C-alpha atoms as a PDB file:
ATOM      1  CA  UNK A   1     108.559  89.568 128.144  1.00  0.00           C
ATOM      2  CA  UNK A   2     108.189  85.802 128.241  1.00  0.00           C
ATOM      3  CA  UNK A   3     105.157  84.116 126.713  1.00  0.00           C
ATOM      4  CA  UNK A   4     103.685  80.756 127.651  1.00  0.00           C
ATOM      5  CA  UNK A   5     101.507  78.215 125.871  1.00  0.00           C
ATOM      6  CA  UNK A   6      99.687  75.384 127.637  1.00  0.00           C
ATOM      7  CA  UNK A   7      98.598  72.570 125.332  1.00  0.00           C
ATOM      8  CA  UNK A   8      95.383  70.752 126.305  1.00  0.00           C
ATOM      9  CA  UNK A   9      97.449  67.520 126.445  1.00  0.00           C
ATOM     10  CA  UNK A  10      99.323  68.891 129.467  1.00  0.00           C
ATOM     11  CA  UNK A  11     102.505  70.044 127.679  1.00  0.00           C
ATOM     12  CA  UNK A  12     103.686  73.584 128.475  1.00  0.00           C
ATOM     13  CA  UNK A  13     106.333  75.778 126.916  1.00  0.00           C
ATOM     14  CA  UNK A  14     107.594  79.286 127.481  1.00  0.00           C
ATOM     15  CA  UNK A  15     110.055  81.530 125.716  1.00  0.00           C
ATOM     16  CA  UNK A  16     111.347  85.077 125.698  1.00  0.00           C
ATOM     17  CA  UNK A  17     111.226  85.243 121.897  1.00  0.00           C
ATOM     18  CA  UNK A  18     108.353  84.692 119.490  1.00  0.00           C
ATOM     19  CA  UNK A  19     110.598  82.793 117.083  1.00  0.00           C
ATOM     20  CA  UNK A  20     111.631  80.225 119.690  1.00  0.00           C
ATOM     21  CA  UNK A  21     108.069  79.857 120.995  1.00  0.00           C
ATOM     22  CA  UNK A  22     106.735  79.237 117.485  1.00  0.00           C
ATOM     23  CA  UNK A  23     109.483  76.696 116.792  1.00  0.00           C
ATOM     24  CA  UNK A  24     108.767  74.765 119.999  1.00  0.00           C
ATOM     25  CA  UNK A  25     104.999  74.708 119.509  1.00  0.00           C
ATOM     26  CA  UNK A  26     105.187  73.746 115.831  1.00  0.00           C
ATOM     27  CA  UNK A  27     107.549  70.885 116.681  1.00  0.00           C
ATOM     28  CA  UNK A  28     105.284  69.666 119.494  1.00  0.00           C
ATOM     29  CA  UNK A  29     102.141  69.901 117.345  1.00  0.00           C
ATOM     30  CA  UNK A  30     103.728  67.915 114.527  1.00  0.00           C
ATOM     31  CA  UNK A  31     105.429  65.225 116.637  1.00  0.00           C
ATOM     32  CA  UNK A  32     102.721  64.644 119.231  1.00  0.00           C
ATOM     33  CA  UNK A  33      99.463  65.614 117.512  1.00  0.00           C
ATOM     34  CA  UNK A  34     100.377  65.202 113.815  1.00  0.00           C
ATOM     35  CA  UNK A  35      99.141  68.752 113.157  1.00  0.00           C
ATOM     36  CA  UNK A  36     100.585  71.723 111.328  1.00  0.00           C
ATOM     37  CA  UNK A  37     100.282  75.140 112.982  1.00  0.00           C
ATOM     38  CA  UNK A  38     100.991  78.563 111.555  1.00  0.00           C
ATOM     39  CA  UNK A  39     103.015  81.263 113.259  1.00  0.00           C
ATOM     40  CA  UNK A  40      99.835  83.318 113.604  1.00  0.00           C
ATOM     41  CA  UNK A  41      97.989  80.437 115.299  1.00  0.00           C
ATOM     42  CA  UNK A  42     100.833  79.910 117.749  1.00  0.00           C
ATOM     43  CA  UNK A  43     101.114  83.581 118.655  1.00  0.00           C
ATOM     44  CA  UNK A  44      97.334  83.779 119.027  1.00  0.00           C
ATOM     45  CA  UNK A  45      97.499  81.059 121.714  1.00  0.00           C
ATOM     46  CA  UNK A  46     100.398  82.660 123.602  1.00  0.00           C
ATOM     47  CA  UNK A  47      99.815  84.389 126.908  1.00  0.00           C
ATOM     48  CA  UNK A  48     102.182  86.764 128.701  1.00  0.00           C
ATOM     49  CA  UNK A  49     103.935  85.178 131.638  1.00  0.00           C
END
């Protein structure tokens, strides 16, 4: 089942795998917001699509 994350800045990502979702969100958080996020934080934000 795909999961989606909507960042408050307007960026959205979705993935069928947790690993890919975490990778995408961590990259976005670091590059755009200069923040580090843990796997647990990312998965806690994810919603089923």
